[in-house]
């Protein structure tokens, strides 16, 4: 019996229909009806098993991409003569480890990006990803490192890769562990070491080691790291690179480091002396309201907003070749916001004096 016209319309609109109607739809002469039936979320294994044998590659691909596709359907799809169907099977989030392993061993694995689909599959296990990262294609390796299931073992293996970009991606992993950092900081390529020094998960000991790096860009990345604390700043102030010292001076206020301005004024580098003079002027200014005043003012929102803005400005780092210039501009902005805060202080203090 042919499929009802009403069911045909529902299937084409991806509506909810009975399984029997979906099965009949796979015999419809209209390829769009068969395509819609194969992609219907109510399709069962028997329906998808029939759809995977359809003469039209689009219908077979729809069945392979269906979230209800079983291991049997996906395994058959991996043997399909069409590369899009094979790729859909490797990328299906229901793919088991055996399906993904079969995809890796497929003779067309690299040629039709099966390996790339496996690398991006959210169901890929550690053992599968370790196989993937062993292939010589850079983009496939990077995709494997971006996979949410990537483990420390995968990143450690990536650090042995001959490709610098792959090693750099491993060093920049935000979930990197101490052992991974130590290995990355011993890398012969300065960009890999710099990625480790910039990593937001780097600890004090890692940043301290990075500050001893022979490459100045690695040392600058370490002092710019948001995790750099008072010990790191103190050590950076003695660094031979003038930009490292400039960055440390600009960030010193964040950590309450008492800068020796007499010594800094004698620094052999004019940029360091310039930033130090600017810092001294700004750091010596009172920027917070006395507790006695804050406790009695009625409108604290303005004070809090300005104080937060001031703290944010002082946390700004310098970077790259524009480090000194950025430090100078940051200090100028600090000066402007300090004036606003002082004006608000006077206004609120006046309001407090006139309160009954």
Protein backbone atom coordinates (compact mmCIF):
# COMPACT_ATOMS: atom_id res chain seq x y z
CA UNK A 1 0.00 0.00 0.00
CA UNK A 2 1.49 3.41 -0.95
CA UNK A 3 2.12 6.03 1.70
CA UNK A 4 -0.75 8.39 2.55
CA UNK A 5 -0.53 11.87 1.07
CA UNK A 6 -0.97 13.45 4.55
CA UNK A 7 1.90 11.35 5.94
CA UNK A 8 4.00 12.27 2.93
CA UNK A 9 3.55 15.97 3.72
CA UNK A 10 4.41 15.39 7.40
CA UNK A 11 7.57 13.53 6.50
CA UNK A 12 8.68 16.30 4.15
CA UNK A 13 8.10 18.80 6.96
CA UNK A 14 10.01 16.54 9.39
CA UNK A 15 6.86 16.03 11.41
CA UNK A 16 6.04 13.17 13.76
CA UNK A 17 4.69 10.14 11.87
CA UNK A 18 4.32 6.45 12.60
CA UNK A 19 7.23 4.11 12.01
CA UNK A 20 5.21 2.18 9.44
CA UNK A 21 4.75 5.31 7.35
CA UNK A 22 8.47 6.08 7.49
CA UNK A 23 9.26 2.57 6.29
CA UNK A 24 6.86 2.96 3.36
CA UNK A 25 8.32 6.38 2.59
CA UNK A 26 11.67 4.75 1.78
CA UNK A 27 10.03 3.16 -1.28
CA UNK A 28 8.67 6.50 -2.52
CA UNK A 29 9.89 7.48 -6.01
CA UNK A 30 10.50 11.04 -4.78
CA UNK A 31 14.07 11.24 -3.45
CA UNK A 32 13.17 14.15 -1.14
CA UNK A 33 10.58 12.00 0.64
CA UNK A 34 13.11 9.21 1.12
CA UNK A 35 15.72 11.75 2.27
CA UNK A 36 13.30 13.22 4.86
CA UNK A 37 12.35 9.75 6.09
CA UNK A 38 16.00 8.76 6.55
CA UNK A 39 16.68 11.89 8.59
CA UNK A 40 13.49 11.73 10.67
CA UNK A 41 14.25 11.66 14.44
CA UNK A 42 11.70 8.85 14.87
CA UNK A 43 13.52 6.55 12.46
CA UNK A 44 14.37 3.16 13.99
CA UNK A 45 17.33 0.89 13.29
CA UNK A 46 15.32 -1.13 10.74
CA UNK A 47 14.38 2.04 8.85
CA UNK A 48 17.95 3.34 8.85
CA UNK A 49 19.29 -0.07 7.81
CA UNK A 50 17.02 0.09 4.78
CA UNK A 51 17.89 3.73 4.06
CA UNK A 52 21.63 2.98 4.07
CA UNK A 53 21.06 0.78 1.00
CA UNK A 54 19.25 3.52 -0.94
CA UNK A 55 20.67 4.19 -4.42
CA UNK A 56 20.82 7.93 -3.66
CA UNK A 57 23.90 9.07 -1.71
CA UNK A 58 21.96 11.93 -0.08
CA UNK A 59 19.49 9.49 1.45
CA UNK A 60 22.33 7.29 2.68
CA UNK A 61 24.09 10.31 4.18
CA UNK A 62 20.89 11.40 5.95
CA UNK A 63 20.57 7.94 7.49
CA UNK A 64 24.22 8.02 8.59
CA UNK A 65 23.87 11.44 10.23
CA UNK A 66 20.64 10.47 12.01
CA UNK A 67 21.15 10.61 15.81
CA UNK A 68 19.48 7.18 16.05
CA UNK A 69 22.07 5.54 13.81
CA UNK A 70 23.37 2.37 15.45
CA UNK A 71 26.82 0.78 15.29
CA UNK A 72 25.58 -1.58 12.57
CA UNK A 73 24.37 1.30 10.39
CA UNK A 74 27.54 3.33 10.93
CA UNK A 75 29.79 0.35 10.24
CA UNK A 76 28.05 -0.22 6.91
CA UNK A 77 28.27 3.49 6.11
CA UNK A 78 32.06 3.38 6.52
CA UNK A 79 32.18 0.97 3.57
CA UNK A 80 30.04 3.24 1.41
CA UNK A 81 31.53 4.22 -1.97
CA UNK A 82 30.66 7.89 -1.30
CA UNK A 83 33.14 9.87 0.80
CA UNK A 84 30.47 12.17 2.27
CA UNK A 85 28.64 9.15 3.65
CA UNK A 86 31.86 7.75 5.13
CA UNK A 87 32.68 11.14 6.67
CA UNK A 88 29.21 11.39 8.20
CA UNK A 89 29.71 8.00 9.84
CA UNK A 90 33.06 9.03 11.35
CA UNK A 91 31.56 12.27 12.64
CA UNK A 92 28.37 10.81 14.14
CA UNK A 93 28.45 11.49 17.92
CA UNK A 94 27.03 7.98 18.50
CA UNK A 95 30.11 6.40 16.94
CA UNK A 96 31.68 3.88 19.31
CA UNK A 97 35.40 3.29 19.75
CA UNK A 98 35.24 0.34 17.36
CA UNK A 99 33.56 2.48 14.68
CA UNK A 100 36.13 5.26 15.07
CA UNK A 101 38.97 2.74 14.99
CA UNK A 102 37.53 1.28 11.78
CA UNK A 103 37.37 4.78 10.32
CA UNK A 104 41.05 5.33 11.14
CA UNK A 105 42.01 2.07 9.43
CA UNK A 106 39.92 2.92 6.39
CA UNK A 107 42.12 3.15 3.27
CA UNK A 108 40.48 6.52 2.46
CA UNK A 109 41.01 7.85 6.00
CA UNK A 110 43.21 10.84 5.18
CA UNK A 111 42.15 11.34 1.56
CA UNK A 112 38.50 12.09 2.35
CA UNK A 113 39.05 13.65 5.80
CA UNK A 114 37.73 10.68 7.72
CA UNK A 115 40.59 11.21 10.15
CA UNK A 116 39.59 14.84 10.65
CA UNK A 117 36.01 13.80 11.43
CA UNK A 118 37.31 11.28 13.97
CA UNK A 119 39.57 13.89 15.57
CA UNK A 120 36.59 16.23 16.08
CA UNK A 121 34.14 13.53 17.21
CA UNK A 122 33.07 14.28 20.82
CA UNK A 123 32.88 10.54 21.46
CA UNK A 124 36.54 9.90 20.58
CA UNK A 125 38.41 8.17 23.39
CA UNK A 126 42.00 8.69 24.51
CA UNK A 127 43.22 5.60 22.61
CA UNK A 128 41.51 6.79 19.42
CA UNK A 129 42.97 10.30 19.70
CA UNK A 130 46.45 8.91 20.34
CA UNK A 131 46.17 7.04 17.03
CA UNK A 132 44.91 10.15 15.24
CA UNK A 133 47.74 12.36 16.44
CA UNK A 134 50.25 9.92 15.01
CA UNK A 135 49.23 10.82 11.46
CA UNK A 136 51.41 13.33 9.58
CA UNK A 137 48.67 15.87 8.85
CA UNK A 138 49.03 19.04 10.95
CA UNK A 139 45.37 20.10 10.85
CA UNK A 140 44.23 16.64 11.96
CA UNK A 141 46.63 16.77 14.91
CA UNK A 142 45.42 20.23 15.94
CA UNK A 143 41.81 19.04 15.73
CA UNK A 144 42.66 16.14 18.05
CA UNK A 145 44.21 18.54 20.57
CA UNK A 146 41.02 20.64 20.52
CA UNK A 147 38.86 17.59 21.27
CA UNK A 148 37.21 17.89 24.72
CA UNK A 149 38.40 14.36 25.52
CA UNK A 150 42.07 15.19 24.93
CA UNK A 151 44.14 14.00 27.91
CA UNK A 152 47.56 14.83 29.33
CA UNK A 153 49.04 11.81 27.52
CA UNK A 154 47.88 13.26 24.21
CA UNK A 155 49.43 16.67 24.91
CA UNK A 156 52.69 15.12 26.10
CA UNK A 157 52.86 13.11 22.88
CA UNK A 158 52.10 16.27 20.89
CA UNK A 159 55.14 17.96 22.46
CA UNK A 160 57.32 15.39 20.68
CA UNK A 161 55.77 16.26 17.32
CA UNK A 162 58.16 17.59 14.65
CA UNK A 163 55.68 20.35 13.78
CA UNK A 164 56.20 23.55 15.78
CA UNK A 165 52.53 24.60 15.58
CA UNK A 166 51.39 21.29 17.07
CA UNK A 167 53.85 21.62 19.95
CA UNK A 168 52.80 25.22 20.48
CA UNK A 169 49.13 24.20 20.68
CA UNK A 170 50.02 21.57 23.28
CA UNK A 171 51.99 24.09 25.35
CA UNK A 172 49.06 26.52 25.27
CA UNK A 173 46.53 24.00 26.53
CA UNK A 174 44.64 25.76 29.39
CA UNK A 175 44.48 22.47 31.33
CA UNK A 176 48.22 21.88 31.12
CA UNK A 177 49.86 20.20 34.10
CA UNK A 178 53.24 20.88 35.71
CA UNK A 179 54.95 18.04 33.83
CA UNK A 180 53.65 19.33 30.51
CA UNK A 181 54.89 22.86 31.28
CA UNK A 182 58.34 21.62 32.24
CA UNK A 183 58.62 19.68 28.99
CA UNK A 184 57.37 22.64 26.94
CA UNK A 185 59.87 25.04 28.54
CA UNK A 186 62.70 22.75 27.42
CA UNK A 187 61.53 22.88 23.80
CA UNK A 188 64.18 24.13 21.35
CA UNK A 189 61.67 26.48 19.73
CA UNK A 190 61.13 29.81 21.52
CA UNK A 191 57.51 30.09 20.30
CA UNK A 192 56.63 26.83 22.05
CA UNK A 193 58.28 28.05 25.26
CA UNK A 194 56.50 31.39 24.89
CA UNK A 195 53.14 29.60 24.60
CA UNK A 196 53.87 27.84 27.88
CA UNK A 197 54.85 31.12 29.56
CA UNK A 198 51.59 32.75 28.37
CA UNK A 199 49.43 29.84 29.49
CA UNK A 200 46.85 31.02 32.08
CA UNK A 201 47.39 27.78 34.00
CA UNK A 202 51.10 28.39 34.55
CA UNK A 203 52.14 28.32 38.21
CA UNK A 204 54.65 30.50 40.05
CA UNK A 205 57.45 27.94 39.65
CA UNK A 206 56.79 27.66 35.91
CA UNK A 207 56.79 31.44 35.44
CA UNK A 208 59.97 31.73 37.47
CA UNK A 209 61.64 29.17 35.19
CA UNK A 210 60.35 31.06 32.14
CA UNK A 211 61.96 34.26 33.48
CA UNK A 212 65.33 32.50 33.20
CA UNK A 213 64.74 31.69 29.53
CA UNK A 214 67.46 32.90 27.14
CA UNK A 215 64.81 34.37 24.84
CA UNK A 216 63.50 37.81 25.86
CA UNK A 217 60.03 37.20 24.35
CA UNK A 218 59.56 34.18 26.61
CA UNK A 219 60.55 36.25 29.64
CA UNK A 220 58.15 39.04 28.64
CA UNK A 221 55.33 36.54 28.28
CA UNK A 222 56.04 35.25 31.78
CA UNK A 223 55.84 38.67 33.44
CA UNK A 224 52.66 39.48 31.46
CA UNK A 225 50.97 36.25 32.60
CA UNK A 226 47.87 36.97 34.75
CA UNK A 227 49.18 34.49 37.33
CA UNK A 228 52.43 36.40 37.81
CA UNK A 229 52.55 37.28 41.52
CA UNK A 230 54.69 39.46 43.77
CA UNK A 231 57.68 37.10 43.64
CA UNK A 232 57.60 37.03 39.86
CA UNK A 233 57.35 40.83 39.66
CA UNK A 234 60.24 41.28 42.10
CA UNK A 235 62.39 38.90 40.09
CA UNK A 236 61.39 40.58 36.82
CA UNK A 237 62.54 44.00 38.10
CA UNK A 238 66.10 42.63 38.03
CA UNK A 239 65.85 41.13 34.55
CA UNK A 240 68.41 42.16 31.95
CA UNK A 241 65.71 42.93 29.36
CA UNK A 242 64.50 46.50 29.67
CA UNK A 243 60.96 45.68 28.51
CA UNK A 244 60.61 42.99 31.17
CA UNK A 245 61.58 45.62 33.76
CA UNK A 246 59.12 48.13 32.26
CA UNK A 247 56.28 45.62 32.45
CA UNK A 248 57.16 44.77 36.04
CA UNK A 249 57.16 48.46 37.01
CA UNK A 250 53.77 49.01 35.37
CA UNK A 251 52.28 46.02 37.24
CA UNK A 252 54.03 46.58 40.58
CA UNK A 253 51.07 48.43 42.13
CA UNK A 254 48.88 45.33 41.77
CA UNK A 255 51.02 43.47 44.27
CA UNK A 256 51.99 46.24 46.68
CA UNK A 257 55.65 45.99 45.69
CA UNK A 258 57.70 48.84 47.13
CA UNK A 259 59.62 50.12 44.14
CA UNK A 260 63.10 51.56 44.69
CA UNK A 261 62.61 54.66 42.60
CA UNK A 262 66.06 56.02 43.51
CA UNK A 263 67.60 52.89 41.98
CA UNK A 264 65.22 52.89 39.00
CA UNK A 265 66.08 56.50 38.24
CA UNK A 266 69.66 55.33 37.72
CA UNK A 267 68.68 52.51 35.36
CA UNK A 268 70.85 52.29 32.26
CA UNK A 269 67.81 52.30 29.96
CA UNK A 270 65.96 55.56 29.29
CA UNK A 271 62.62 53.79 28.73
CA UNK A 272 62.82 52.16 32.16
CA UNK A 273 63.63 55.52 33.78
CA UNK A 274 60.72 57.13 31.92
CA UNK A 275 58.18 54.48 33.00
CA UNK A 276 59.54 54.59 36.56
CA UNK A 277 59.05 58.37 36.78
CA UNK A 278 55.48 58.04 35.53
CA UNK A 279 54.80 55.22 37.94
CA UNK A 280 56.22 57.14 40.87
CA UNK A 281 53.92 60.11 40.22
CA UNK A 282 50.85 57.93 39.98
CA UNK A 283 51.59 55.47 42.77
CA UNK A 284 52.22 58.23 45.28
CA UNK A 285 48.75 59.69 44.73
CA UNK A 286 45.96 58.69 47.14
CA UNK A 287 43.31 56.97 45.07
CA UNK A 288 41.05 55.36 47.67
CA UNK A 289 38.63 57.14 49.95
CA UNK A 290 39.23 56.99 53.70
CA UNK A 291 37.11 54.37 55.46
CA UNK A 292 35.59 57.04 57.69
CA UNK A 293 34.22 58.86 54.65
CA UNK A 294 33.08 55.79 52.75
CA UNK A 295 31.20 54.57 55.80
CA UNK A 296 28.93 57.62 55.79
CA UNK A 297 28.36 58.48 52.15
CA UNK A 298 24.96 57.69 50.71
CA UNK A 299 25.92 56.98 47.10
CA UNK A 300 28.87 54.58 46.93
CA UNK A 301 28.21 53.26 43.42
CA UNK A 302 30.24 56.01 41.75
CA UNK A 303 33.19 55.45 44.06
CA UNK A 304 33.13 51.69 43.55
CA UNK A 305 32.88 52.09 39.79
CA UNK A 306 35.84 54.47 39.60
CA UNK A 307 37.93 52.40 42.01
CA UNK A 308 37.28 49.24 39.99
CA UNK A 309 38.18 51.05 36.77
CA UNK A 310 41.41 52.28 38.34
CA UNK A 311 42.34 48.77 39.48
CA UNK A 312 41.62 47.40 36.01
CA UNK A 313 43.81 50.02 34.37
CA UNK A 314 46.67 49.26 36.69
CA UNK A 315 46.40 45.58 35.88
CA UNK A 316 46.85 46.19 32.17
CA UNK A 317 50.00 44.63 30.80
CA UNK A 318 52.43 45.67 28.14
CA UNK A 319 53.08 43.40 25.21
CA UNK A 320 55.39 42.89 22.25
CA UNK A 321 57.23 45.72 20.61
CA UNK A 322 54.75 48.31 21.92
CA UNK A 323 55.37 47.45 25.54
CA UNK A 324 56.84 50.74 26.77
CA UNK A 325 54.36 52.87 24.84
CA UNK A 326 51.42 50.86 26.20
CA UNK A 327 52.77 51.15 29.75
CA UNK A 328 52.98 54.92 29.32
CA UNK A 329 49.43 55.14 27.93
CA UNK A 330 48.11 52.99 30.77
CA UNK A 331 49.71 55.26 33.35
CA UNK A 332 48.19 58.31 31.62
CA UNK A 333 44.74 56.71 31.82
CA UNK A 334 45.37 55.93 35.49
CA UNK A 335 46.13 59.60 36.01
CA UNK A 336 42.82 60.62 34.39
CA UNK A 337 40.73 58.16 36.37
CA UNK A 338 42.53 59.21 39.57
CA UNK A 339 41.44 62.79 38.95
CA UNK A 340 37.84 61.64 38.47
CA UNK A 341 38.02 59.69 41.72
CA UNK A 342 39.42 62.68 43.59
CA UNK A 343 36.64 64.89 42.22
CA UNK A 344 34.02 62.33 43.31
CA UNK A 345 35.70 62.15 46.73
CA UNK A 346 35.41 65.92 47.17
CA UNK A 347 31.79 65.92 46.01
CA UNK A 348 30.79 63.11 48.35
CA UNK A 349 32.73 64.63 51.21
CA UNK A 350 30.89 67.91 50.68
CA UNK A 351 27.55 66.02 50.64
CA UNK A 352 28.53 64.33 53.90
CA UNK A 353 29.34 67.68 55.54
CA UNK A 354 25.94 69.08 54.57
CA UNK A 355 24.03 66.04 55.85
CA UNK A 356 21.85 66.81 58.93
